[in-house]
Protein backbone atom coordinates (compact mmCIF):
# COMPACT_ATOMS: atom_id res chain seq x y z
CA MET A 1 77.89 133.31 113.01
CA SER A 2 80.08 135.82 114.86
CA PRO A 3 80.99 134.96 118.59
CA PRO A 4 79.36 137.19 121.05
CA ARG A 5 81.02 140.45 122.03
CA GLY A 6 83.19 140.00 125.16
CA PHE A 7 83.54 137.07 127.58
CA PRO A 8 81.53 135.73 130.47
CA ALA A 9 82.77 136.58 133.83
CA ALA A 10 83.94 132.91 134.24
CA GLU A 11 86.51 133.42 131.62
CA PHE A 12 88.32 136.09 133.57
CA ARG A 13 87.74 134.12 137.05
CA ASP A 14 89.62 131.13 135.36
CA ARG A 15 92.48 133.44 134.07
CA THR A 16 92.72 135.08 137.65
CA ALA A 17 92.58 131.46 139.42
CA ARG A 18 95.61 129.95 137.10
CA ALA A 19 97.60 133.27 137.60
CA GLN A 20 97.11 132.99 141.38
CA ALA A 21 98.19 129.36 141.16
CA LEU A 22 101.59 130.27 139.33
CA MET A 23 102.02 132.93 141.75
CA ALA A 24 101.93 130.60 144.76
CA GLU A 25 104.42 128.68 143.06
CA ALA A 26 106.81 131.46 142.54
CA GLY A 27 106.19 133.05 145.79
CA LEU A 28 104.51 136.09 144.79
CA ASP A 29 102.04 138.01 146.77
CA ALA A 30 100.56 140.22 143.94
CA LEU A 31 101.11 141.07 140.31
CA LEU A 32 100.97 144.85 139.32
CA LEU A 33 99.94 145.09 135.65
CA THR A 34 100.21 148.23 133.88
CA THR A 35 99.79 147.71 130.10
CA GLU A 36 96.61 147.57 127.75
CA PRO A 37 96.78 143.90 127.10
CA GLU A 38 97.73 142.93 130.45
CA LEU A 39 94.65 144.78 132.09
CA ARG A 40 92.28 143.56 129.23
CA TYR A 41 93.36 139.78 129.72
CA TYR A 42 92.06 139.89 133.29
CA THR A 43 89.42 142.37 133.04
CA GLY A 44 87.86 142.76 129.61
CA PHE A 45 88.50 146.43 129.92
CA LEU A 46 88.52 147.31 126.14
CA THR A 47 88.95 150.91 124.99
CA ARG A 48 90.99 152.95 122.47
CA PHE A 49 91.67 155.52 125.04
CA TRP A 50 94.94 153.87 125.69
CA GLU A 51 96.15 155.95 122.54
CA SER A 52 96.62 158.76 124.67
CA PRO A 53 99.91 158.82 126.89
CA THR A 54 98.65 160.99 129.48
CA ARG A 55 97.00 158.79 132.19
CA PRO A 56 98.41 155.68 133.67
CA TRP A 57 96.33 152.52 134.64
CA PHE A 58 96.91 150.04 137.11
CA LEU A 59 95.64 146.41 137.92
CA VAL A 60 96.55 144.65 141.17
CA LEU A 61 96.05 140.88 141.15
CA PRO A 62 96.53 139.56 144.93
CA ALA A 63 97.16 136.31 146.00
CA THR A 64 93.65 135.48 146.70
CA GLY A 65 90.40 137.18 145.61
CA ASP A 66 89.45 139.32 142.49
CA PRO A 67 91.57 142.11 140.63
CA ILE A 68 91.65 145.41 141.85
CA ALA A 69 91.47 148.24 139.22
CA VAL A 70 93.58 151.58 140.27
CA ILE A 71 92.55 153.82 137.50
CA PRO A 72 91.71 157.37 136.30
CA SER A 73 88.25 158.44 137.38
CA ILE A 74 87.43 159.03 133.52
CA GLY A 75 87.69 155.08 133.32
CA ALA A 76 85.57 154.30 136.07
CA HIS A 77 82.30 153.85 134.26
CA LEU A 78 83.64 151.46 131.17
CA MET A 79 85.37 149.53 134.27
CA GLY A 80 82.41 149.36 135.97
CA GLN A 81 80.83 147.27 133.05
CA THR A 82 83.66 144.44 133.61
CA TRP A 83 83.50 141.85 136.14
CA LEU A 84 85.40 143.83 138.78
CA GLN A 85 83.82 145.14 141.89
CA ASP A 86 86.82 146.91 143.63
CA ILE A 87 87.46 149.84 141.42
CA ARG A 88 89.53 152.82 143.01
CA THR A 89 90.03 156.05 141.47
CA TRP A 90 91.69 159.27 141.16
CA GLN A 91 91.34 162.46 139.03
CA ALA A 92 93.97 162.43 136.31
CA PRO A 93 96.21 163.79 135.34
CA ASP A 94 97.70 164.92 138.69
CA TYR A 95 100.95 166.61 138.47
CA ASP A 96 101.99 166.01 142.18
CA ASP A 97 100.64 162.43 142.67
CA ASP A 98 99.18 160.62 139.56
CA GLY A 99 97.88 157.75 141.18
CA ILE A 100 101.18 156.44 142.67
CA GLY A 101 99.89 157.16 146.22
CA LEU A 102 96.73 155.45 145.63
CA LEU A 103 98.53 152.51 144.07
CA ALA A 104 101.08 152.19 147.00
CA GLN A 105 98.06 152.11 149.50
CA THR A 106 96.33 149.24 147.41
CA LEU A 107 99.52 147.40 147.34
CA SER A 108 100.06 147.77 151.10
CA ASP A 109 96.53 146.60 151.75
CA CYS A 110 97.11 143.17 149.97
CA VAL A 111 100.65 142.38 150.27
CA PRO A 112 102.40 141.49 153.44
CA ALA A 113 105.34 144.06 154.85
CA THR A 114 107.94 142.27 153.26
CA GLY A 115 106.10 140.48 150.41
CA ARG A 116 106.95 140.20 146.63
CA ILE A 117 105.22 142.05 143.91
CA GLY A 118 105.74 140.60 140.37
CA VAL A 119 105.83 142.65 137.13
CA ALA A 120 106.39 141.72 133.56
CA ASP A 121 110.23 142.20 133.01
CA GLN A 122 110.93 140.04 130.14
CA MET A 123 111.54 140.79 126.39
CA GLU A 124 108.40 142.24 124.64
CA SER A 125 107.39 143.65 128.11
CA HIS A 126 107.12 147.32 129.34
CA LEU A 127 106.54 149.10 132.54
CA ARG A 128 104.07 152.02 131.49
CA MET A 129 105.03 154.66 134.14
CA PRO A 130 107.50 157.21 134.51
CA LEU A 131 110.81 156.08 136.15
CA SER A 132 110.17 158.92 139.13
CA ALA A 133 106.67 157.07 139.52
CA LEU A 134 108.47 153.76 139.82
CA ARG A 135 110.90 155.21 142.40
CA ARG A 136 108.41 156.92 144.41
CA LEU A 137 106.38 153.67 144.52
CA GLU A 138 109.17 151.64 145.63
CA GLY A 139 109.84 154.06 148.34
CA LEU A 140 106.28 154.20 149.59
CA LEU A 141 106.05 150.32 149.86
CA GLY A 142 108.81 149.98 152.34
CA ALA A 143 110.27 146.42 152.49
CA ARG A 144 107.77 145.21 150.03
CA GLN A 145 109.78 144.12 146.79
CA ILE A 146 109.15 144.84 143.37
CA THR A 147 110.34 141.93 141.04
CA GLY A 148 109.67 140.00 137.93
CA ASP A 149 106.59 138.28 137.61
CA ALA A 150 108.24 134.57 136.60
CA THR A 151 106.59 135.21 132.94
CA ILE A 152 103.22 134.38 134.29
CA THR A 153 101.16 136.47 132.18
CA ARG A 154 103.20 135.64 129.18
CA ARG A 155 102.60 131.97 129.79
CA LEU A 156 98.88 132.25 130.33
CA ARG A 157 98.56 134.24 127.30
CA LEU A 158 100.54 131.77 125.08
CA VAL A 159 97.79 129.22 125.08
CA LYS A 160 94.51 130.72 123.89
CA SER A 161 91.20 129.36 125.28
CA ASP A 162 88.41 128.34 122.84
CA ALA A 163 86.47 131.61 123.12
CA GLU A 164 89.69 133.53 122.34
CA ILE A 165 90.36 131.43 119.46
CA ALA A 166 86.90 131.88 118.16
CA LYS A 167 87.52 135.87 118.10
CA ILE A 168 90.81 135.51 116.46
CA THR A 169 89.11 133.16 113.93
CA GLU A 170 86.46 135.86 113.25
CA ALA A 171 89.24 138.58 112.75
CA VAL A 172 90.83 136.22 110.40
CA ARG A 173 87.66 135.73 108.25
CA ILE A 174 87.09 139.38 107.87
CA GLY A 175 90.50 139.83 106.41
CA ASP A 176 90.09 136.89 104.14
CA ARG A 177 86.86 138.56 102.85
CA ALA A 178 88.75 141.84 102.37
CA PHE A 179 91.52 140.37 100.64
CA ASP A 180 89.07 138.67 98.02
CA ARG A 181 87.97 142.27 97.10
CA VAL A 182 91.36 143.62 96.51
CA ALA A 183 90.46 143.55 92.53
CA GLU A 184 88.06 146.32 93.30
CA ILE A 185 90.57 148.58 94.51
CA ALA A 186 93.85 147.92 93.08
CA ARG A 187 94.65 148.49 89.14
CA PRO A 188 97.31 150.40 87.20
CA LYS A 189 97.34 153.96 87.84
CA VAL A 190 95.96 154.07 91.33
CA ALA A 191 98.42 155.45 94.11
CA LEU A 192 99.44 152.78 96.55
CA SER A 193 98.35 155.13 99.12
CA GLN A 194 94.78 155.07 97.89
CA VAL A 195 94.98 151.05 97.64
CA PHE A 196 95.86 151.51 101.47
CA ARG A 197 93.14 153.67 102.48
CA ASP A 198 90.53 151.81 100.39
CA PHE A 199 91.76 148.31 101.72
CA GLN A 200 91.23 149.53 105.54
CA ARG A 201 87.45 150.60 104.20
CA LEU A 202 87.11 147.19 103.11
CA CYS A 203 88.29 145.60 106.12
CA LEU A 204 85.76 147.76 108.05
CA GLU A 205 82.97 147.05 105.61
CA GLU A 206 83.55 143.32 106.26
CA GLY A 207 83.33 143.61 110.06
CA GLY A 208 86.50 144.71 111.43
CA ASP A 209 86.25 147.26 114.22
CA TRP A 210 89.34 149.31 113.26
CA VAL A 211 92.84 148.52 111.53
CA PRO A 212 95.69 149.55 113.63
CA TYR A 213 98.19 147.91 111.31
CA LEU A 214 98.58 147.91 107.48
CA ALA A 215 101.85 147.50 105.66
CA GLY A 216 102.56 146.73 102.24
CA ALA A 217 104.52 147.56 98.95
CA ALA A 218 104.27 147.55 95.15
CA ALA A 219 106.96 147.27 92.73
CA PRO A 220 108.10 145.15 89.80
CA GLY A 221 110.07 141.78 90.52
CA GLY A 222 109.09 142.09 94.20
CA TYR A 223 109.53 144.80 96.84
CA GLY A 224 112.12 146.14 99.24
CA ASP A 225 110.54 145.73 102.51
CA VAL A 226 107.51 144.79 104.42
CA ILE A 227 107.26 147.57 106.81
CA SER A 228 107.05 150.73 104.76
CA PRO A 229 104.00 153.13 104.70
CA ALA A 230 102.42 153.82 101.58
CA ASP A 231 103.38 156.61 99.18
CA ASP A 232 101.69 158.12 96.09
CA THR A 233 103.52 156.11 93.60
CA PRO A 234 100.94 154.70 91.07
CA LEU A 235 100.57 150.95 90.52
CA ALA A 236 101.72 149.65 87.18
CA THR A 237 101.38 146.65 84.99
CA GLY A 238 104.21 144.20 86.15
CA ASP A 239 104.15 145.28 89.90
CA VAL A 240 104.05 142.79 92.64
CA LEU A 241 101.45 144.14 95.40
CA MET A 242 101.76 143.04 98.79
CA LEU A 243 99.21 143.79 101.71
CA ASP A 244 99.73 142.86 105.29
CA THR A 245 96.87 143.50 107.55
CA GLY A 246 96.28 143.44 111.29
CA LEU A 247 92.74 144.32 111.72
CA ILE A 248 90.91 144.04 115.11
CA ARG A 249 87.61 142.43 115.84
CA ASP A 250 86.49 142.55 119.55
CA GLY A 251 90.13 143.01 120.85
CA TYR A 252 91.75 140.47 118.69
CA PHE A 253 93.84 140.49 115.83
CA CYS A 254 94.38 138.71 112.55
CA ASP A 255 97.74 139.02 110.97
CA PHE A 256 98.69 137.95 107.49
CA ASP A 257 99.42 139.07 103.97
CA ARG A 258 98.62 138.32 100.37
CA ASN A 259 100.71 139.04 97.23
CA PHE A 260 99.01 140.24 94.02
CA SER A 261 100.62 140.34 90.49
CA LEU A 262 99.30 143.26 88.29
CA GLY A 263 98.98 141.27 85.09
CA PRO A 264 100.66 137.95 84.48
CA PRO A 265 103.61 137.43 86.67
CA SER A 266 107.23 136.91 85.62
CA ASP A 267 108.66 133.41 85.91
CA ALA A 268 111.03 134.81 88.83
CA VAL A 269 108.04 135.88 90.89
CA ALA A 270 105.84 132.98 90.11
CA GLU A 271 108.64 130.64 91.54
CA ALA A 272 109.48 133.07 94.31
CA HIS A 273 105.66 132.78 95.48
CA ALA A 274 105.38 129.00 94.71
CA ALA A 275 108.63 128.69 97.08
CA LEU A 276 106.67 130.77 99.82
CA ILE A 277 103.82 128.39 99.77
CA GLU A 278 106.14 125.60 100.00
CA ALA A 279 107.58 126.75 102.94
CA THR A 280 104.49 127.69 104.86
CA GLN A 281 103.26 123.91 104.02
CA ALA A 282 106.38 122.74 105.63
CA GLY A 283 105.93 124.85 108.76
CA PHE A 284 102.56 123.99 108.99
CA ALA A 285 103.19 120.34 108.77
CA ALA A 286 105.85 120.60 111.47
CA ALA A 287 103.46 122.49 113.79
CA ARG A 288 102.08 119.85 116.25
CA PRO A 289 101.85 119.46 120.00
CA GLY A 290 105.34 118.48 121.43
CA ALA A 291 107.32 120.14 118.36
CA ARG A 292 109.31 123.23 119.34
CA ILE A 293 109.35 126.67 117.53
CA CYS A 294 112.61 126.01 116.15
CA ASP A 295 111.55 123.08 114.45
CA LEU A 296 108.93 125.49 112.50
CA PHE A 297 111.72 127.77 111.63
CA HIS A 298 114.17 125.29 110.15
CA ALA A 299 111.20 123.53 108.24
CA MET A 300 110.47 127.04 106.48
CA ASN A 301 114.27 128.08 106.44
CA THR A 302 115.20 124.90 104.42
CA VAL A 303 112.87 125.80 101.61
CA VAL A 304 113.33 129.65 101.24
CA ASN A 305 116.94 129.81 102.39
CA PRO A 306 118.56 126.28 101.80
CA ASN A 307 122.27 127.47 101.43
CA ALA A 308 121.76 129.37 104.90
CA ALA A 309 119.88 126.42 106.16
CA ARG A 310 122.64 124.10 105.60
CA GLU A 311 125.27 126.33 107.10
CA GLY A 312 123.28 127.07 110.10
CA GLY A 313 122.48 130.72 109.08
CA GLY A 314 119.05 132.32 109.76
CA ALA A 315 116.70 134.67 107.94
CA ASP A 316 117.36 138.36 107.22
CA ALA A 317 114.04 139.49 108.69
CA GLY A 318 115.06 137.93 112.10
CA ARG A 319 112.15 135.54 112.39
CA LEU A 320 109.60 133.66 110.15
CA GLY A 321 106.43 134.19 112.45
CA HIS A 322 105.30 134.79 115.81
CA GLY A 323 102.46 134.41 118.15
CA LEU A 324 99.21 136.22 117.58
CA GLY A 325 96.26 137.38 119.81
CA MET A 326 95.40 140.45 121.67
CA GLN A 327 98.31 141.93 120.15
CA LEU A 328 99.53 142.10 116.47
CA THR A 329 102.59 140.05 117.53
CA GLU A 330 102.98 138.21 120.69
CA TRP A 331 105.56 135.57 122.17
CA PRO A 332 107.37 133.45 120.78
CA SER A 333 109.32 134.36 117.72
CA ILE A 334 109.80 131.65 115.08
CA ILE A 335 113.60 131.87 115.31
CA ALA A 336 116.14 129.14 115.56
CA ALA A 337 116.84 129.54 118.95
CA ASP A 338 113.37 129.44 120.17
CA GLU A 339 112.86 126.10 121.92
CA THR A 340 109.28 126.89 123.06
CA VAL A 341 107.23 123.56 122.92
CA LEU A 342 104.14 123.73 120.97
CA GLU A 343 100.90 123.19 122.87
CA GLU A 344 97.39 122.72 121.84
CA GLY A 345 95.60 126.36 121.93
CA MET A 346 98.53 128.28 120.64
CA VAL A 347 97.84 130.78 117.63
CA LEU A 348 100.88 131.50 115.50
CA THR A 349 101.73 133.21 112.28
CA LEU A 350 103.82 131.43 109.60
CA GLU A 351 105.84 134.00 107.70
CA PRO A 352 108.67 132.77 105.62
CA GLY A 353 110.44 135.34 103.12
CA VAL A 354 112.53 134.71 99.98
CA ALA A 355 115.18 137.22 98.29
CA LEU A 356 114.89 137.87 94.40
CA ALA A 357 117.10 139.60 92.13
CA GLY A 358 118.20 143.14 92.57
CA GLY A 359 117.64 143.28 96.32
CA LYS A 360 113.89 142.44 96.12
CA ILE A 361 111.85 140.16 98.36
CA MET A 362 108.54 138.49 98.76
CA VAL A 363 106.90 137.31 101.96
CA HIS A 364 104.03 135.37 102.68
CA GLU A 365 102.01 134.87 105.87
CA GLU A 366 99.11 132.59 107.39
CA ASN A 367 97.55 132.33 110.54
CA ILE A 368 97.40 128.91 112.19
CA VAL A 369 96.13 127.38 115.62
CA ILE A 370 97.75 124.26 117.23
CA LYS A 371 95.29 121.40 117.74
CA SER A 372 95.70 117.99 119.40
CA GLY A 373 96.30 116.29 116.03
CA GLY A 374 98.40 118.97 114.81
CA ALA A 375 97.99 122.40 112.96
CA SER A 376 94.90 123.89 111.73
CA TYR A 377 94.68 126.97 109.15
CA LEU A 378 92.76 129.95 110.42
CA SER A 379 93.29 131.90 107.58
CA ARG A 380 92.27 130.45 103.99
CA PRO A 381 95.45 129.09 102.85
CA GLN A 382 96.82 130.80 99.58
CA ASP A 383 97.39 128.61 96.37
CA ARG A 384 100.99 128.16 95.02
CA GLU A 385 99.96 130.47 92.11
CA ILE A 386 99.98 134.14 93.04
CA ARG A 387 96.85 136.28 92.76
CA VAL A 388 96.68 138.06 89.31
CA ILE A 389 94.78 141.39 89.15
């Protein structure tokens, strides 16, 4: 049974309270939130209207009390269906003052004259407003200072609630069911582009809301990369087909892939696939509370890249997995330099890759959650044997 849509208000009140406790520790009088996942994390405001770059959206999280939405009037009705009560709007787009005056007044209402306003400023963050708007906002705030947010939202989003994990789990189950149906759509002489279109259809038929991300490849003996869009090249017997999907269910992603051999795999492909599964299992075994992200990296890299591992080298892809949740990829990255300590409730991908002859590669990806006794698979773990079509 699928989890209910959305969250109860208590979920957002808890997130707000935890953020405000961390704000007090950091000496921040407000948080200014400007991006889709930040706003949605504290409000539940879910819309695809963010695809339009025209209108800015703001949320102010004061030191005490509920968040305040400062948004274009077109969003007032939908925001009014969330738990927020204080919703301030302007008619956007406004070429003279696109919400900055209203935002400055809102911040001035809840931040002392010499107070500090935190905004996300670390890797993987961005400030979704023009530089000129930021400069004007700073001028209107007087002695109030815009500063970093002490990684507050990142730290909160790193550990998922049970309700969030349930939504990610549902997205993963949909992906599993779609992958089980790939033989319906992939066969020799079918164009890779058609496989992509049909696989997105399968994801929707199985319950996905939309499929913002789909990558893959098909070629004999492996493939050249894992980020290319599909072309019209027809599949052929002997190809290795890889599909990597990030579908969304109720605002939360899955992100994992599966490899398929069209006809019996070559020995090299079969061995590479088995090594990928071995590496994934090694990362899974290392993933437990108290371990570090870099421990997962080394566990997997030692299997798929033993020479580089012995010499202290890394992987050509740069990382062997990442966080997962409201975004396709979230903090942290599974790299040798990341010493983030694993906690119960973190959701991660494990994504080792292996090199084959002729400059080809293969990758494999699973989704896991950290529990008190260790890791648990969210995706149905793939066998050592590659799937054969």
